[in-house]
Amino acid sequence: MKALHAVHTPRFEGLEHLPHGPALLVGNHGLLGYETVLFFDRLFEMTGRMPRGLADRWFFRVPGVRDALVRLGGMYGNVENALHALGRDHLVVCYPGGAREVLKRNPGDCYRLRWEKSLGFVKVALKAGVPIIPFAAAGVDDTYHILSRIEGSGRYLMGNDKYDLPLLWGRGPLPEAVPFWFRIGKPIQATCKEGDEVGTRALHREVWAQTQSLLDGLVGEWREARGMKGTKDEGALRCAS
């Protein structure tokens, strides 16, 4: 953990937006998703509350990954586990983009939320009656350059080609020593009731849009601080150049 802190010097903002009770935190995953370790560690260090993370069920098929997830407070990502943790006043962290964001294949996917198929987190928040709190992470897609993908690796490891591992290059096989910035946004309170499909989809779009906006702003500040110029899309190309 100390090594990761030294490499990525995490900066954390927005703790004032966290409630004393339960909440569902939703945000972006970086390449390989290992920024989660720093996010959870810093959140616990600064609040004294160990967050619980909802992990893609497919990752529990890989023994080493499964064990690491459990040690970090991760749990099988289903409705029952989420509701149980929220019922015990936990901060529950969800990455709606899941493996699509962890295993990015294209430069255009960098810092883009892939939430089009992810309505489940909204339904969980409505059922539990808790606020949804967006958060963003910058620097996490600048750790490696995406070269290509290792075809067949997903089928071998997890039984599905969509989990093919990306072929990455940073400082050789190690990540670039870039800072990680995390920002927690303002809570989003539901204005619809559980079972209202129209309202649920509208809330999903609202959370998705607000989280992407939070992410765009933070990434822009991160790049400006590092003297990086260019448009948002040009910045994304750096992830694969």
C-alpha atoms as a PDB file:
ATOM      1  CA  MET A   1       0.000   0.000   0.000  1.00  0.00           C
ATOM      2  CA  LYS A   2       2.815   2.422   0.855  1.00  0.00           C
ATOM      3  CA  ALA A   3       4.362   1.765  -2.543  1.00  0.00           C
ATOM      4  CA  LEU A   4       1.115   2.682  -4.311  1.00  0.00           C
ATOM      5  CA  HIS A   5       0.798   5.849  -2.259  1.00  0.00           C
ATOM      6  CA  ALA A   6       4.349   6.816  -3.178  1.00  0.00           C
ATOM      7  CA  VAL A   7       3.745   6.223  -6.887  1.00  0.00           C
ATOM      8  CA  HIS A   8       0.332   7.882  -7.196  1.00  0.00           C
ATOM      9  CA  THR A   9       0.209  10.419  -4.286  1.00  0.00           C
ATOM     10  CA  PRO A  10      -3.602  10.349  -4.056  1.00  0.00           C
ATOM     11  CA  ARG A  11      -5.532  13.561  -3.477  1.00  0.00           C
ATOM     12  CA  PHE A  12      -9.045  13.395  -2.046  1.00  0.00           C
ATOM     13  CA  GLU A  13     -11.819  16.027  -2.133  1.00  0.00           C
ATOM     14  CA  GLY A  14     -15.479  16.221  -1.191  1.00  0.00           C
ATOM     15  CA  LEU A  15     -15.678  14.301   2.065  1.00  0.00           C
ATOM     16  CA  GLU A  16     -18.221  16.851   3.284  1.00  0.00           C
ATOM     17  CA  HIS A  17     -20.747  15.318   0.877  1.00  0.00           C
ATOM     18  CA  LEU A  18     -20.772  11.960   2.661  1.00  0.00           C
ATOM     19  CA  PRO A  19     -23.702  11.375   5.036  1.00  0.00           C
ATOM     20  CA  HIS A  20     -23.326   9.839   8.479  1.00  0.00           C
ATOM     21  CA  GLY A  21     -25.613   7.020   7.423  1.00  0.00           C
ATOM     22  CA  PRO A  22     -25.645   4.675   4.442  1.00  0.00           C
ATOM     23  CA  ALA A  23     -25.130   5.785   0.863  1.00  0.00           C
ATOM     24  CA  LEU A  24     -24.402   4.299  -2.542  1.00  0.00           C
ATOM     25  CA  LEU A  25     -21.258   5.770  -4.134  1.00  0.00           C
ATOM     26  CA  VAL A  26     -20.917   5.404  -7.916  1.00  0.00           C
ATOM     27  CA  GLY A  27     -17.942   6.371 -10.070  1.00  0.00           C
ATOM     28  CA  ASN A  28     -15.463   5.497 -12.806  1.00  0.00           C
ATOM     29  CA  HIS A  29     -12.998   2.641 -12.923  1.00  0.00           C
ATOM     30  CA  GLY A  30      -9.480   3.133 -14.262  1.00  0.00           C
ATOM     31  CA  LEU A  31      -7.388   0.757 -16.319  1.00  0.00           C
ATOM     32  CA  LEU A  32      -7.104  -2.550 -14.435  1.00  0.00           C
ATOM     33  CA  GLY A  33      -9.121  -0.998 -11.598  1.00  0.00           C
ATOM     34  CA  TYR A  34      -6.325  -1.016  -9.034  1.00  0.00           C
ATOM     35  CA  GLU A  35      -7.008   2.601  -8.042  1.00  0.00           C
ATOM     36  CA  THR A  36      -9.827   1.102  -5.970  1.00  0.00           C
ATOM     37  CA  VAL A  37      -7.261   0.030  -3.382  1.00  0.00           C
ATOM     38  CA  LEU A  38      -6.149   3.624  -2.837  1.00  0.00           C
ATOM     39  CA  PHE A  39      -9.704   4.981  -2.930  1.00  0.00           C
ATOM     40  CA  PHE A  40     -10.899   2.564  -0.244  1.00  0.00           C
ATOM     41  CA  ASP A  41      -7.785   3.033   1.877  1.00  0.00           C
ATOM     42  CA  ARG A  42      -7.965   6.832   1.861  1.00  0.00           C
ATOM     43  CA  LEU A  43     -11.710   6.807   2.473  1.00  0.00           C
ATOM     44  CA  PHE A  44     -11.233   4.604   5.523  1.00  0.00           C
ATOM     45  CA  GLU A  45      -8.265   6.656   6.762  1.00  0.00           C
ATOM     46  CA  MET A  46     -10.160   9.947   6.575  1.00  0.00           C
ATOM     47  CA  THR A  47     -13.614   8.825   7.752  1.00  0.00           C
ATOM     48  CA  GLY A  48     -12.974   5.761   9.905  1.00  0.00           C
ATOM     49  CA  ARG A  49     -15.578   3.915   7.821  1.00  0.00           C
ATOM     50  CA  MET A  50     -14.529   0.904   5.778  1.00  0.00           C
ATOM     51  CA  PRO A  51     -16.471   1.038   2.490  1.00  0.00           C
ATOM     52  CA  ARG A  52     -17.939  -2.107   0.990  1.00  0.00           C
ATOM     53  CA  GLY A  53     -17.450  -2.615  -2.722  1.00  0.00           C
ATOM     54  CA  LEU A  54     -19.719  -4.397  -5.183  1.00  0.00           C
ATOM     55  CA  ALA A  55     -17.539  -6.435  -7.556  1.00  0.00           C
ATOM     56  CA  ASP A  56     -18.374  -7.907 -10.951  1.00  0.00           C
ATOM     57  CA  ARG A  57     -19.426 -11.501 -10.312  1.00  0.00           C
ATOM     58  CA  TRP A  58     -17.081 -12.776 -13.036  1.00  0.00           C
ATOM     59  CA  PHE A  59     -14.003 -11.677 -11.090  1.00  0.00           C
ATOM     60  CA  PHE A  60     -14.959 -14.068  -8.303  1.00  0.00           C
ATOM     61  CA  ARG A  61     -14.185 -16.913 -10.700  1.00  0.00           C
ATOM     62  CA  VAL A  62     -10.460 -16.085 -10.512  1.00  0.00           C
ATOM     63  CA  PRO A  63      -9.090 -17.435  -7.178  1.00  0.00           C
ATOM     64  CA  GLY A  64      -6.328 -14.862  -6.579  1.00  0.00           C
ATOM     65  CA  VAL A  65      -8.513 -11.933  -7.621  1.00  0.00           C
ATOM     66  CA  ARG A  66     -11.441 -13.216  -5.559  1.00  0.00           C
ATOM     67  CA  ASP A  67      -9.332 -13.428  -2.396  1.00  0.00           C
ATOM     68  CA  ALA A  68      -7.909  -9.934  -2.897  1.00  0.00           C
ATOM     69  CA  LEU A  69     -11.391  -8.474  -3.389  1.00  0.00           C
ATOM     70  CA  VAL A  70     -12.677  -9.978  -0.157  1.00  0.00           C
ATOM     71  CA  ARG A  71      -9.688  -8.668   1.826  1.00  0.00           C
ATOM     72  CA  LEU A  72     -10.333  -5.171   0.481  1.00  0.00           C
ATOM     73  CA  GLY A  73     -13.980  -5.165   1.552  1.00  0.00           C
ATOM     74  CA  GLY A  74     -15.327  -6.337  -1.781  1.00  0.00           C
ATOM     75  CA  MET A  75     -18.375  -8.547  -2.090  1.00  0.00           C
ATOM     76  CA  TYR A  76     -20.215 -10.355  -4.847  1.00  0.00           C
ATOM     77  CA  GLY A  77     -22.109  -7.657  -6.687  1.00  0.00           C
ATOM     78  CA  ASN A  78     -25.771  -8.566  -6.344  1.00  0.00           C
ATOM     79  CA  VAL A  79     -28.850  -6.839  -4.964  1.00  0.00           C
ATOM     80  CA  GLU A  80     -29.013  -8.900  -1.781  1.00  0.00           C
ATOM     81  CA  ASN A  81     -25.442  -8.088  -0.703  1.00  0.00           C
ATOM     82  CA  ALA A  82     -25.869  -4.408  -1.528  1.00  0.00           C
ATOM     83  CA  LEU A  83     -29.090  -4.103   0.475  1.00  0.00           C
ATOM     84  CA  HIS A  84     -27.598  -5.998   3.407  1.00  0.00           C
ATOM     85  CA  ALA A  85     -24.584  -3.665   3.578  1.00  0.00           C
ATOM     86  CA  LEU A  86     -26.710  -0.527   3.202  1.00  0.00           C
ATOM     87  CA  GLY A  87     -29.035  -1.841   5.900  1.00  0.00           C
ATOM     88  CA  ARG A  88     -26.045  -1.910   8.228  1.00  0.00           C
ATOM     89  CA  ASP A  89     -25.269   1.772   7.494  1.00  0.00           C
ATOM     90  CA  HIS A  90     -22.260   1.095   5.278  1.00  0.00           C
ATOM     91  CA  LEU A  91     -20.949   3.250   2.464  1.00  0.00           C
ATOM     92  CA  VAL A  92     -21.333   0.948  -0.533  1.00  0.00           C
ATOM     93  CA  VAL A  93     -19.175   1.605  -3.587  1.00  0.00           C
ATOM     94  CA  CYS A  94     -20.362   0.566  -7.026  1.00  0.00           C
ATOM     95  CA  TYR A  95     -18.647   0.881 -10.402  1.00  0.00           C
ATOM     96  CA  PRO A  96     -21.552   0.569 -12.876  1.00  0.00           C
ATOM     97  CA  GLY A  97     -19.136   0.312 -15.822  1.00  0.00           C
ATOM     98  CA  GLY A  98     -17.636  -2.847 -14.328  1.00  0.00           C
ATOM     99  CA  ALA A  99     -15.282  -4.836 -16.518  1.00  0.00           C
ATOM    100  CA  ARG A 100     -16.035  -2.607 -19.524  1.00  0.00           C
ATOM    101  CA  GLU A 101     -14.088   0.172 -17.803  1.00  0.00           C
ATOM    102  CA  VAL A 102     -11.429  -1.988 -16.112  1.00  0.00           C
ATOM    103  CA  LEU A 103     -10.511  -3.776 -19.338  1.00  0.00           C
ATOM    104  CA  LYS A 104     -10.662  -0.869 -21.773  1.00  0.00           C
ATOM    105  CA  ARG A 105      -9.774  -1.802 -25.327  1.00  0.00           C
ATOM    106  CA  ASN A 106      -9.845   1.549 -27.125  1.00  0.00           C
ATOM    107  CA  PRO A 107      -8.377   4.982 -26.391  1.00  0.00           C
ATOM    108  CA  GLY A 108     -11.791   6.581 -26.839  1.00  0.00           C
ATOM    109  CA  ASP A 109     -13.032   4.670 -23.790  1.00  0.00           C
ATOM    110  CA  CYS A 110     -10.664   6.499 -21.434  1.00  0.00           C
ATOM    111  CA  TYR A 111     -12.622   8.536 -18.856  1.00  0.00           C
ATOM    112  CA  ARG A 112     -15.906   7.590 -20.555  1.00  0.00           C
ATOM    113  CA  LEU A 113     -18.582   6.075 -18.316  1.00  0.00           C
ATOM    114  CA  ARG A 114     -19.948   2.864 -19.821  1.00  0.00           C
ATOM    115  CA  TRP A 115     -23.218   2.808 -17.887  1.00  0.00           C
ATOM    116  CA  GLU A 116     -25.722   2.270 -20.669  1.00  0.00           C
ATOM    117  CA  LYS A 117     -26.651  -1.209 -19.415  1.00  0.00           C
ATOM    118  CA  SER A 118     -26.415  -0.476 -15.689  1.00  0.00           C
ATOM    119  CA  LEU A 119     -29.791   0.277 -14.145  1.00  0.00           C
ATOM    120  CA  GLY A 120     -29.273  -2.016 -11.169  1.00  0.00           C
ATOM    121  CA  PHE A 121     -27.535   0.508  -8.935  1.00  0.00           C
ATOM    122  CA  VAL A 122     -30.465   2.918  -9.225  1.00  0.00           C
ATOM    123  CA  LYS A 123     -32.952   0.199  -8.296  1.00  0.00           C
ATOM    124  CA  VAL A 124     -30.832  -0.709  -5.261  1.00  0.00           C
ATOM    125  CA  ALA A 125     -30.725   2.913  -4.075  1.00  0.00           C
ATOM    126  CA  LEU A 126     -34.493   3.261  -4.473  1.00  0.00           C
ATOM    127  CA  LYS A 127     -35.208   0.024  -2.640  1.00  0.00           C
ATOM    128  CA  ALA A 128     -32.863   0.937   0.216  1.00  0.00           C
ATOM    129  CA  GLY A 129     -34.001   4.568   0.335  1.00  0.00           C
ATOM    130  CA  VAL A 130     -30.440   5.918   0.281  1.00  0.00           C
ATOM    131  CA  PRO A 131     -28.815   8.783  -1.642  1.00  0.00           C
ATOM    132  CA  ILE A 132     -26.619   8.154  -4.668  1.00  0.00           C
ATOM    133  CA  ILE A 133     -23.292   9.948  -4.422  1.00  0.00           C
ATOM    134  CA  PRO A 134     -21.203  10.366  -7.589  1.00  0.00           C
ATOM    135  CA  PHE A 135     -17.419  10.356  -7.459  1.00  0.00           C
ATOM    136  CA  ALA A 136     -14.671  10.747 -10.047  1.00  0.00           C
ATOM    137  CA  ALA A 137     -11.055   9.610 -10.375  1.00  0.00           C
ATOM    138  CA  ALA A 138      -8.466  11.351 -12.583  1.00  0.00           C
ATOM    139  CA  GLY A 139      -5.069   9.958 -13.547  1.00  0.00           C
ATOM    140  CA  VAL A 140      -6.375   6.403 -13.431  1.00  0.00           C
ATOM    141  CA  ASP A 141      -6.536   6.029 -17.223  1.00  0.00           C
ATOM    142  CA  ASP A 142      -3.080   7.537 -17.724  1.00  0.00           C
ATOM    143  CA  THR A 143      -1.189   4.735 -16.015  1.00  0.00           C
ATOM    144  CA  TYR A 144      -0.672   2.743 -19.223  1.00  0.00           C
ATOM    145  CA  HIS A 145      -0.927   3.032 -22.982  1.00  0.00           C
ATOM    146  CA  ILE A 146      -3.425   0.625 -24.529  1.00  0.00           C
ATOM    147  CA  LEU A 147      -1.659  -1.305 -27.291  1.00  0.00           C
ATOM    148  CA  SER A 148      -4.151  -4.048 -28.133  1.00  0.00           C
ATOM    149  CA  ARG A 149      -5.878  -6.936 -26.391  1.00  0.00           C
ATOM    150  CA  ILE A 150      -4.881 -10.490 -25.597  1.00  0.00           C
ATOM    151  CA  GLU A 151      -7.454 -12.457 -27.562  1.00  0.00           C
ATOM    152  CA  GLY A 152      -8.790 -15.543 -25.828  1.00  0.00           C
ATOM    153  CA  SER A 153      -7.571 -14.528 -22.368  1.00  0.00           C
ATOM    154  CA  GLY A 154     -11.066 -13.643 -21.169  1.00  0.00           C
ATOM    155  CA  ARG A 155     -12.478 -16.959 -22.305  1.00  0.00           C
ATOM    156  CA  TYR A 156      -9.636 -18.830 -20.617  1.00  0.00           C
ATOM    157  CA  LEU A 157      -9.826 -16.942 -17.308  1.00  0.00           C
ATOM    158  CA  MET A 158     -13.524 -16.170 -16.963  1.00  0.00           C
ATOM    159  CA  GLY A 159     -15.358 -17.949 -19.740  1.00  0.00           C
ATOM    160  CA  ASN A 160     -16.215 -14.930 -21.861  1.00  0.00           C
ATOM    161  CA  ASP A 161     -14.383 -13.051 -24.624  1.00  0.00           C
ATOM    162  CA  LYS A 162     -15.624  -9.696 -23.307  1.00  0.00           C
ATOM    163  CA  TYR A 163     -13.123 -10.100 -20.465  1.00  0.00           C
ATOM    164  CA  ASP A 164     -10.112 -10.270 -22.800  1.00  0.00           C
ATOM    165  CA  LEU A 165      -7.194  -8.564 -21.068  1.00  0.00           C
ATOM    166  CA  PRO A 166      -5.783  -5.399 -22.636  1.00  0.00           C
ATOM    167  CA  LEU A 167      -2.141  -5.364 -23.709  1.00  0.00           C
ATOM    168  CA  LEU A 168      -0.679  -2.391 -21.853  1.00  0.00           C
ATOM    169  CA  TRP A 169       2.619  -0.537 -21.618  1.00  0.00           C
ATOM    170  CA  GLY A 170       3.646   2.061 -19.042  1.00  0.00           C
ATOM    171  CA  ARG A 171       7.120   2.216 -17.560  1.00  0.00           C
ATOM    172  CA  GLY A 172       7.625  -1.165 -19.112  1.00  0.00           C
ATOM    173  CA  PRO A 173       5.167  -3.468 -17.333  1.00  0.00           C
ATOM    174  CA  LEU A 174       4.845  -1.007 -14.427  1.00  0.00           C
ATOM    175  CA  PRO A 175       2.357   1.887 -14.389  1.00  0.00           C
ATOM    176  CA  GLU A 176       3.340   5.466 -15.069  1.00  0.00           C
ATOM    177  CA  ALA A 177       3.963   7.421 -11.853  1.00  0.00           C
ATOM    178  CA  VAL A 178       1.012   9.780 -12.230  1.00  0.00           C
ATOM    179  CA  PRO A 179      -0.989  11.278  -9.354  1.00  0.00           C
ATOM    180  CA  PHE A 180      -4.501  10.040  -8.652  1.00  0.00           C
ATOM    181  CA  TRP A 181      -7.125  12.646  -7.830  1.00  0.00           C
ATOM    182  CA  PHE A 182     -10.465  11.605  -6.331  1.00  0.00           C
ATOM    183  CA  ARG A 183     -13.470  13.889  -5.973  1.00  0.00           C
ATOM    184  CA  ILE A 184     -16.790  13.103  -4.294  1.00  0.00           C
ATOM    185  CA  GLY A 185     -19.787  15.025  -5.603  1.00  0.00           C
ATOM    186  CA  LYS A 186     -23.027  16.170  -4.034  1.00  0.00           C
ATOM    187  CA  PRO A 187     -25.637  13.533  -3.137  1.00  0.00           C
ATOM    188  CA  ILE A 188     -28.409  12.898  -5.644  1.00  0.00           C
ATOM    189  CA  GLN A 189     -31.740  12.224  -4.002  1.00  0.00           C
ATOM    190  CA  ALA A 190     -34.325  10.140  -5.822  1.00  0.00           C
ATOM    191  CA  THR A 191     -37.528  11.910  -6.835  1.00  0.00           C
ATOM    192  CA  CYS A 192     -39.285   8.715  -7.916  1.00  0.00           C
ATOM    193  CA  LYS A 193     -40.447   5.604  -6.100  1.00  0.00           C
ATOM    194  CA  GLU A 194     -39.343   2.007  -6.354  1.00  0.00           C
ATOM    195  CA  GLY A 195     -41.085   0.283  -9.248  1.00  0.00           C
ATOM    196  CA  ASP A 196     -41.500   3.473 -11.290  1.00  0.00           C
ATOM    197  CA  GLU A 197     -39.696   2.369 -14.468  1.00  0.00           C
ATOM    198  CA  VAL A 198     -39.912   5.746 -16.191  1.00  0.00           C
ATOM    199  CA  GLY A 199     -38.637   7.527 -13.108  1.00  0.00           C
ATOM    200  CA  THR A 200     -35.906   4.925 -12.586  1.00  0.00           C
ATOM    201  CA  ARG A 201     -34.576   5.419 -16.113  1.00  0.00           C
ATOM    202  CA  ALA A 202     -34.728   9.192 -15.743  1.00  0.00           C
ATOM    203  CA  LEU A 203     -32.770   8.987 -12.474  1.00  0.00           C
ATOM    204  CA  HIS A 204     -30.232   6.691 -14.144  1.00  0.00           C
ATOM    205  CA  ARG A 205     -29.672   9.261 -16.906  1.00  0.00           C
ATOM    206  CA  GLU A 206     -29.355  12.055 -14.337  1.00  0.00           C
ATOM    207  CA  VAL A 207     -26.769  10.226 -12.234  1.00  0.00           C
ATOM    208  CA  TRP A 208     -24.863   9.135 -15.340  1.00  0.00           C
ATOM    209  CA  ALA A 209     -24.769  12.706 -16.708  1.00  0.00           C
ATOM    210  CA  GLN A 210     -23.793  14.301 -13.397  1.00  0.00           C
ATOM    211  CA  THR A 211     -21.035  11.770 -12.775  1.00  0.00           C
ATOM    212  CA  GLN A 212     -19.624  12.210 -16.294  1.00  0.00           C
ATOM    213  CA  SER A 213     -19.678  15.987 -15.800  1.00  0.00           C
ATOM    214  CA  LEU A 214     -17.865  15.631 -12.469  1.00  0.00           C
ATOM    215  CA  LEU A 215     -15.305  13.381 -14.156  1.00  0.00           C
ATOM    216  CA  ASP A 216     -14.784  15.715 -17.119  1.00  0.00           C
ATOM    217  CA  GLY A 217     -14.155  18.641 -14.796  1.00  0.00           C
ATOM    218  CA  LEU A 218     -11.695  16.779 -12.606  1.00  0.00           C
ATOM    219  CA  VAL A 219      -9.769  15.304 -15.555  1.00  0.00           C
ATOM    220  CA  GLY A 220      -9.568  18.762 -17.117  1.00  0.00           C
ATOM    221  CA  GLU A 221      -8.075  20.207 -13.927  1.00  0.00           C
ATOM    222  CA  TRP A 222      -5.698  17.245 -13.619  1.00  0.00           C
ATOM    223  CA  ARG A 223      -4.397  17.745 -17.161  1.00  0.00           C
ATOM    224  CA  GLU A 224      -4.076  21.487 -16.754  1.00  0.00           C
ATOM    225  CA  ALA A 225      -2.038  21.006 -13.582  1.00  0.00           C
ATOM    226  CA  ARG A 226       0.307  18.726 -15.535  1.00  0.00           C
ATOM    227  CA  GLY A 227       0.635  21.152 -18.433  1.00  0.00           C
ATOM    228  CA  MET A 228      -1.302  18.935 -20.829  1.00  0.00           C
ATOM    229  CA  LYS A 229      -3.166  20.810 -23.550  1.00  0.00           C
ATOM    230  CA  GLY A 230      -5.775  19.738 -26.072  1.00  0.00           C
ATOM    231  CA  THR A 231      -9.371  18.696 -26.171  1.00  0.00           C
ATOM    232  CA  LYS A 232     -10.944  16.026 -24.054  1.00  0.00           C
ATOM    233  CA  ASP A 233     -10.779  13.540 -26.956  1.00  0.00           C
ATOM    234  CA  GLU A 234      -7.168  14.366 -27.710  1.00  0.00           C
ATOM    235  CA  GLY A 235      -6.357  13.723 -24.078  1.00  0.00           C
ATOM    236  CA  ALA A 236      -8.040  10.345 -24.271  1.00  0.00           C
ATOM    237  CA  LEU A 237      -5.862   9.414 -27.235  1.00  0.00           C
ATOM    238  CA  ARG A 238      -2.861   9.666 -24.956  1.00  0.00           C
ATOM    239  CA  CYS A 239      -4.046   6.510 -23.244  1.00  0.00           C
ATOM    240  CA  ALA A 240      -3.150   4.514 -26.338  1.00  0.00           C
ATOM    241  CA  SER A 241      -0.459   6.534 -28.077  1.00  0.00           C
END
